[in-house]
PDB file of N, CA and C in Angstrom:
ATOM      1  N   UNK A   1      63.419  93.579 101.904  1.00  0.00           N
ATOM      2  CA  UNK A   1      64.543  93.710 101.004  1.00  0.00           C
ATOM      3  C   UNK A   1      65.820  93.342 101.748  1.00  0.00           C
ATOM      4  N   UNK A   2      66.635  92.581 101.108  1.00  0.00           N
ATOM      5  CA  UNK A   2      67.867  92.120 101.714  1.00  0.00           C
ATOM      6  C   UNK A   2      69.058  92.780 101.006  1.00  0.00           C
ATOM      7  N   UNK A   3      69.983  93.321 101.799  1.00  0.00           N
ATOM      8  CA  UNK A   3      71.183  93.923 101.224  1.00  0.00           C
ATOM      9  C   UNK A   3      72.190  92.829 100.912  1.00  0.00           C
ATOM     10  N   UNK A   4      72.705  92.884  99.721  1.00  0.00           N
ATOM     11  CA  UNK A   4      73.720  91.930  99.323  1.00  0.00           C
ATOM     12  C   UNK A   4      75.066  92.637  99.226  1.00  0.00           C
ATOM     13  N   UNK A   5      76.083  91.835  99.041  1.00  0.00           N
ATOM     14  CA  UNK A   5      77.440  92.361  98.975  1.00  0.00           C
ATOM     15  C   UNK A   5      77.592  93.381  97.841  1.00  0.00           C
ATOM     16  N   UNK A   6      77.011  93.101  96.696  1.00  0.00           N
ATOM     17  CA  UNK A   6      77.120  94.010  95.545  1.00  0.00           C
ATOM     18  C   UNK A   6      76.445  95.352  95.823  1.00  0.00           C
ATOM     19  N   UNK A   7      75.376  95.348  96.631  1.00  0.00           N
ATOM     20  CA  UNK A   7      74.714  96.601  97.008  1.00  0.00           C
ATOM     21  C   UNK A   7      75.636  97.465  97.849  1.00  0.00           C
ATOM     22  N   UNK A   8      76.346  96.838  98.787  1.00  0.00           N
ATOM     23  CA  UNK A   8      77.264  97.582  99.636  1.00  0.00           C
ATOM     24  C   UNK A   8      78.450  98.130  98.843  1.00  0.00           C
ATOM     25  N   UNK A   9      78.943  97.323  97.911  1.00  0.00           N
ATOM     26  CA  UNK A   9      80.050  97.773  97.069  1.00  0.00           C
ATOM     27  C   UNK A   9      79.599  98.946  96.199  1.00  0.00           C
ATOM     28  N   UNK A  10      78.416  98.855  95.632  1.00  0.00           N
ATOM     29  CA  UNK A  10      77.869  99.942  94.813  1.00  0.00           C
ATOM     30  C   UNK A  10      77.670 101.207  95.621  1.00  0.00           C
ATOM     31  N   UNK A  11      77.179 101.074  96.841  1.00  0.00           N
ATOM     32  CA  UNK A  11      76.992 102.230  97.712  1.00  0.00           C
ATOM     33  C   UNK A  11      78.312 102.879  98.083  1.00  0.00           C
ATOM     34  N   UNK A  12      79.316 102.062  98.361  1.00  0.00           N
ATOM     35  CA  UNK A  12      80.635 102.593  98.693  1.00  0.00           C
ATOM     36  C   UNK A  12      81.247 103.312  97.500  1.00  0.00           C
ATOM     37  N   UNK A  13      81.097 102.754  96.311  1.00  0.00           N
ATOM     38  CA  UNK A  13      81.622 103.411  95.101  1.00  0.00           C
ATOM     39  C   UNK A  13      80.912 104.739  94.851  1.00  0.00           C
ATOM     40  N   UNK A  14      79.614 104.769  95.057  1.00  0.00           N
ATOM     41  CA  UNK A  14      78.859 106.007  94.867  1.00  0.00           C
ATOM     42  C   UNK A  14      79.307 107.072  95.864  1.00  0.00           C
ATOM     43  N   UNK A  15      79.526 106.676  97.107  1.00  0.00           N
ATOM     44  CA  UNK A  15      79.979 107.627  98.123  1.00  0.00           C
ATOM     45  C   UNK A  15      81.373 108.156  97.788  1.00  0.00           C
ATOM     46  N   UNK A  16      82.262 107.278  97.334  1.00  0.00           N
ATOM     47  CA  UNK A  16      83.601 107.721  96.942  1.00  0.00           C
ATOM     48  C   UNK A  16      83.552 108.663  95.741  1.00  0.00           C
ATOM     49  N   UNK A  17      82.683 108.361  94.787  1.00  0.00           N
ATOM     50  CA  UNK A  17      82.550 109.222  93.611  1.00  0.00           C
ATOM     51  C   UNK A  17      82.048 110.609  94.010  1.00  0.00           C
ATOM     52  N   UNK A  18      81.064 110.658  94.891  1.00  0.00           N
ATOM     53  CA  UNK A  18      80.558 111.951  95.356  1.00  0.00           C
ATOM     54  C   UNK A  18      81.631 112.727  96.110  1.00  0.00           C
ATOM     55  N   UNK A  19      82.411 112.029  96.922  1.00  0.00           N
ATOM     56  CA  UNK A  19      83.498 112.689  97.640  1.00  0.00           C
ATOM     57  C   UNK A  19      84.547 113.241  96.696  1.00  0.00           C
ATOM     58  N   UNK A  20      84.886 112.495  95.667  1.00  0.00           N
ATOM     59  CA  UNK A  20      85.866 112.956  94.680  1.00  0.00           C
ATOM     60  C   UNK A  20      85.352 114.173  93.923  1.00  0.00           C
ATOM     61  N   UNK A  21      84.103 114.145  93.522  1.00  0.00           N
ATOM     62  CA  UNK A  21      83.510 115.287  92.813  1.00  0.00           C
ATOM     63  C   UNK A  21      83.503 116.523  93.709  1.00  0.00           C
ATOM     64  N   UNK A  22      83.150 116.366  94.973  1.00  0.00           N
ATOM     65  CA  UNK A  22      83.137 117.497  95.897  1.00  0.00           C
ATOM     66  C   UNK A  22      84.541 118.060  96.083  1.00  0.00           C
ATOM     67  N   UNK A  23      85.530 117.195  96.233  1.00  0.00           N
ATOM     68  CA  UNK A  23      86.906 117.653  96.422  1.00  0.00           C
ATOM     69  C   UNK A  23      87.406 118.407  95.189  1.00  0.00           C
ATOM     70  N   UNK A  24      87.142 117.874  94.009  1.00  0.00           N
ATOM     71  CA  UNK A  24      87.571 118.542  92.780  1.00  0.00           C
ATOM     72  C   UNK A  24      86.861 119.877  92.596  1.00  0.00           C
ATOM     73  N   UNK A  25      85.598 119.947  92.976  1.00  0.00           N
ATOM     74  CA  UNK A  25      84.860 121.207  92.875  1.00  0.00           C
ATOM     75  C   UNK A  25      85.439 122.258  93.801  1.00  0.00           C
ATOM     76  N   UNK A  26      85.764 121.866  95.029  1.00  0.00           N
ATOM     77  CA  UNK A  26      86.350 122.818  95.973  1.00  0.00           C
ATOM     78  C   UNK A  26      87.718 123.278  95.506  1.00  0.00           C
ATOM     79  N   UNK A  27      88.501 122.372  94.937  1.00  0.00           N
ATOM     80  CA  UNK A  27      89.825 122.733  94.435  1.00  0.00           C
ATOM     81  C   UNK A  27      89.703 123.706  93.269  1.00  0.00           C
ATOM     82  N   UNK A  28      88.768 123.459  92.375  1.00  0.00           N
ATOM     83  CA  UNK A  28      88.544 124.346  91.238  1.00  0.00           C
ATOM     84  C   UNK A  28      88.072 125.714  91.708  1.00  0.00           C
ATOM     85  N   UNK A  29      87.197 125.742  92.707  1.00  0.00           N
ATOM     86  CA  UNK A  29      86.702 126.999  93.252  1.00  0.00           C
ATOM     87  C   UNK A  29      87.846 127.790  93.880  1.00  0.00           C
ATOM     88  N   UNK A  30      88.750 127.116  94.582  1.00  0.00           N
ATOM     89  CA  UNK A  30      89.890 127.791  95.198  1.00  0.00           C
ATOM     90  C   UNK A  30      90.809 128.378  94.134  1.00  0.00           C
ATOM     91  N   UNK A  31      91.012 127.664  93.034  1.00  0.00           N
ATOM     92  CA  UNK A  31      91.863 128.165  91.951  1.00  0.00           C
ATOM     93  C   UNK A  31      91.253 129.424  91.342  1.00  0.00           C
ATOM     94  N   UNK A  32      89.960 129.397  91.047  1.00  0.00           N
ATOM     95  CA  UNK A  32      89.333 130.567  90.431  1.00  0.00           C
ATOM     96  C   UNK A  32      89.283 131.741  91.401  1.00  0.00           C
ATOM     97  N   UNK A  33      89.112 131.473  92.681  1.00  0.00           N
ATOM     98  CA  UNK A  33      89.110 132.544  93.674  1.00  0.00           C
ATOM     99  C   UNK A  33      90.481 133.198  93.752  1.00  0.00           C
ATOM    100  N   UNK A  34      91.538 132.395  93.692  1.00  0.00           N
ATOM    101  CA  UNK A  34      92.893 132.950  93.716  1.00  0.00           C
ATOM    102  C   UNK A  34      93.151 133.808  92.488  1.00  0.00           C
ATOM    103  N   UNK A  35      92.658 133.362  91.341  1.00  0.00           N
ATOM    104  CA  UNK A  35      92.832 134.159  90.129  1.00  0.00           C
ATOM    105  C   UNK A  35      92.144 135.514  90.268  1.00  0.00           C
ATOM    106  N   UNK A  36      90.974 135.528  90.895  1.00  0.00           N
ATOM    107  CA  UNK A  36      90.268 136.791  91.121  1.00  0.00           C
ATOM    108  C   UNK A  36      91.034 137.682  92.093  1.00  0.00           C
ATOM    109  N   UNK A  37      91.561 137.110  93.150  1.00  0.00           N
ATOM    110  CA  UNK A  37      92.300 137.889  94.148  1.00  0.00           C
ATOM    111  C   UNK A  37      93.555 138.493  93.525  1.00  0.00           C
ATOM    112  N   UNK A  38      94.280 137.689  92.754  1.00  0.00           N
ATOM    113  CA  UNK A  38      95.520 138.171  92.161  1.00  0.00           C
ATOM    114  C   UNK A  38      95.259 139.179  91.044  1.00  0.00           C
ATOM    115  N   UNK A  39      94.164 139.044  90.324  1.00  0.00           N
ATOM    116  CA  UNK A  39      93.881 139.986  89.243  1.00  0.00           C
ATOM    117  C   UNK A  39      93.314 141.303  89.768  1.00  0.00           C
ATOM    118  N   UNK A  40      92.844 141.336  91.001  1.00  0.00           N
ATOM    119  CA  UNK A  40      92.291 142.559  91.572  1.00  0.00           C
ATOM    120  C   UNK A  40      93.385 143.567  91.918  1.00  0.00           C
ATOM    121  N   UNK A  41      94.607 143.117  92.106  1.00  0.00           N
ATOM    122  CA  UNK A  41      95.720 144.004  92.421  1.00  0.00           C
ATOM    123  C   UNK A  41      96.169 144.698  91.138  1.00  0.00           C
ATOM    124  N   UNK A  42      96.258 146.026  91.147  1.00  0.00           N
ATOM    125  CA  UNK A  42      96.692 146.736  89.934  1.00  0.00           C
ATOM    126  C   UNK A  42      98.091 146.298  89.503  1.00  0.00           C
ATOM    127  N   UNK A  43      98.269 146.156  88.213  1.00  0.00           N
ATOM    128  CA  UNK A  43      99.560 145.740  87.677  1.00  0.00           C
ATOM    129  C   UNK A  43     100.594 146.834  87.910  1.00  0.00           C
ATOM    130  N   UNK A  44     101.785 146.443  88.251  1.00  0.00           N
ATOM    131  CA  UNK A  44     102.866 147.392  88.470  1.00  0.00           C
ATOM    132  C   UNK A  44     102.863 148.016  89.847  1.00  0.00           C
ATOM    133  N   UNK A  45     101.910 147.666  90.664  1.00  0.00           N
ATOM    134  CA  UNK A  45     101.853 148.226  92.015  1.00  0.00           C
ATOM    135  C   UNK A  45     102.584 147.295  92.965  1.00  0.00           C
ATOM    136  N   UNK A  46     103.751 147.729  93.391  1.00  0.00           N
ATOM    137  CA  UNK A  46     104.530 146.931  94.345  1.00  0.00           C
ATOM    138  C   UNK A  46     104.189 147.413  95.741  1.00  0.00           C
ATOM    139  N   UNK A  47     103.862 146.513  96.582  1.00  0.00           N
ATOM    140  CA  UNK A  47     103.505 146.886  97.945  1.00  0.00           C
ATOM    141  C   UNK A  47     103.405 145.658  98.815  1.00  0.00           C
ATOM    142  N   UNK A  48     102.744 145.851  99.921  1.00  0.00           N
ATOM    143  CA  UNK A  48     102.567 144.743 100.840  1.00  0.00           C
ATOM    144  C   UNK A  48     101.634 143.698 100.235  1.00  0.00           C
ATOM    145  N   UNK A  49     101.965 142.466 100.468  1.00  0.00           N
ATOM    146  CA  UNK A  49     101.140 141.351  99.999  1.00  0.00           C
ATOM    147  C   UNK A  49     100.284 140.887 101.168  1.00  0.00           C
ATOM    148  N   UNK A  50      98.979 140.812 100.919  1.00  0.00           N
ATOM    149  CA  UNK A  50      98.076 140.358 101.972  1.00  0.00           C
ATOM    150  C   UNK A  50      98.274 138.859 102.195  1.00  0.00           C
ATOM    151  N   UNK A  51      97.839 138.348 103.345  1.00  0.00           N
ATOM    152  CA  UNK A  51      97.962 136.909 103.594  1.00  0.00           C
ATOM    153  C   UNK A  51      97.228 136.066 102.545  1.00  0.00           C
ATOM    154  N   UNK A  52      96.062 136.550 102.065  1.00  0.00           N
ATOM    155  CA  UNK A  52      95.335 135.818 101.026  1.00  0.00           C
ATOM    156  C   UNK A  52      96.137 135.759  99.735  1.00  0.00           C
ATOM    157  N   UNK A  53      96.747 136.901  99.366  1.00  0.00           N
ATOM    158  CA  UNK A  53      97.555 136.932  98.152  1.00  0.00           C
ATOM    159  C   UNK A  53      98.774 136.027  98.291  1.00  0.00           C
ATOM    160  N   UNK A  54      99.382 136.006  99.468  1.00  0.00           N
ATOM    161  CA  UNK A  54     100.552 135.157  99.688  1.00  0.00           C
ATOM    162  C   UNK A  54     100.186 133.678  99.541  1.00  0.00           C
ATOM    163  N   UNK A  55      99.020 133.278 100.091  1.00  0.00           N
ATOM    164  CA  UNK A  55      98.577 131.884  99.942  1.00  0.00           C
ATOM    165  C   UNK A  55      98.328 131.546  98.480  1.00  0.00           C
ATOM    166  N   UNK A  56      97.729 132.484  97.753  1.00  0.00           N
ATOM    167  CA  UNK A  56      97.450 132.238  96.335  1.00  0.00           C
ATOM    168  C   UNK A  56      98.740 132.138  95.527  1.00  0.00           C
ATOM    169  N   UNK A  57      99.700 133.006  95.830  1.00  0.00           N
ATOM    170  CA  UNK A  57     100.970 132.949  95.112  1.00  0.00           C
ATOM    171  C   UNK A  57     101.692 131.637  95.411  1.00  0.00           C
ATOM    172  N   UNK A  58     101.645 131.204  96.659  1.00  0.00           N
ATOM    173  CA  UNK A  58     102.277 129.938  97.018  1.00  0.00           C
ATOM    174  C   UNK A  58     101.600 128.780  96.292  1.00  0.00           C
ATOM    175  N   UNK A  59     100.274 128.816  96.244  1.00  0.00           N
ATOM    176  CA  UNK A  59      99.521 127.763  95.559  1.00  0.00           C
ATOM    177  C   UNK A  59      99.821 127.778  94.062  1.00  0.00           C
ATOM    178  N   UNK A  60      99.890 128.971  93.469  1.00  0.00           N
ATOM    179  CA  UNK A  60     100.124 129.085  92.038  1.00  0.00           C
ATOM    180  C   UNK A  60     101.528 128.630  91.664  1.00  0.00           C
ATOM    181  N   UNK A  61     102.495 128.867  92.510  1.00  0.00           N
ATOM    182  CA  UNK A  61     103.866 128.494  92.198  1.00  0.00           C
ATOM    183  C   UNK A  61     104.114 126.996  92.348  1.00  0.00           C
ATOM    184  N   UNK A  62     103.193 126.266  92.938  1.00  0.00           N
ATOM    185  CA  UNK A  62     103.337 124.817  93.064  1.00  0.00           C
ATOM    186  C   UNK A  62     102.964 124.104  91.773  1.00  0.00           C
ATOM    187  N   UNK A  63     102.144 124.746  90.952  1.00  0.00           N
ATOM    188  CA  UNK A  63     101.720 124.120  89.703  1.00  0.00           C
ATOM    189  C   UNK A  63     102.784 124.319  88.633  1.00  0.00           C
ATOM    190  N   UNK A  64     102.977 123.347  87.752  1.00  0.00           N
ATOM    191  CA  UNK A  64     103.933 123.531  86.659  1.00  0.00           C
ATOM    192  C   UNK A  64     103.429 124.583  85.682  1.00  0.00           C
ATOM    193  N   UNK A  65     104.357 125.371  85.129  1.00  0.00           N
ATOM    194  CA  UNK A  65     103.986 126.423  84.199  1.00  0.00           C
ATOM    195  C   UNK A  65     103.439 125.847  82.898  1.00  0.00           C
ATOM    196  N   UNK A  66     104.041 124.775  82.419  1.00  0.00           N
ATOM    197  CA  UNK A  66     103.572 124.131  81.191  1.00  0.00           C
ATOM    198  C   UNK A  66     103.502 122.625  81.411  1.00  0.00           C
ATOM    199  N   UNK A  67     102.744 121.992  80.582  1.00  0.00           N
ATOM    200  CA  UNK A  67     102.666 120.533  80.656  1.00  0.00           C
ATOM    201  C   UNK A  67     103.637 119.922  79.672  1.00  0.00           C
ATOM    202  N   UNK A  68     104.076 118.741  79.969  1.00  0.00           N
ATOM    203  CA  UNK A  68     105.033 118.063  79.076  1.00  0.00           C
ATOM    204  C   UNK A  68     104.368 117.569  77.833  1.00  0.00           C
TER     205      UNK A  68
END
């Protein structure tokens, strides 16, 4: 079997697609994990913010509240 140019291009596209899917999955997992961390804190309880909560709050504040 001989590899042709189109085979290499197809393989590269498949690898990029898998990488994109993995990155989006990890990003989605991080978002849901932050939601769990932030919802675990009782409402109205003001106190020290853990480093995990601080990272989640920073991440959450980077996203726009509403879409245009």
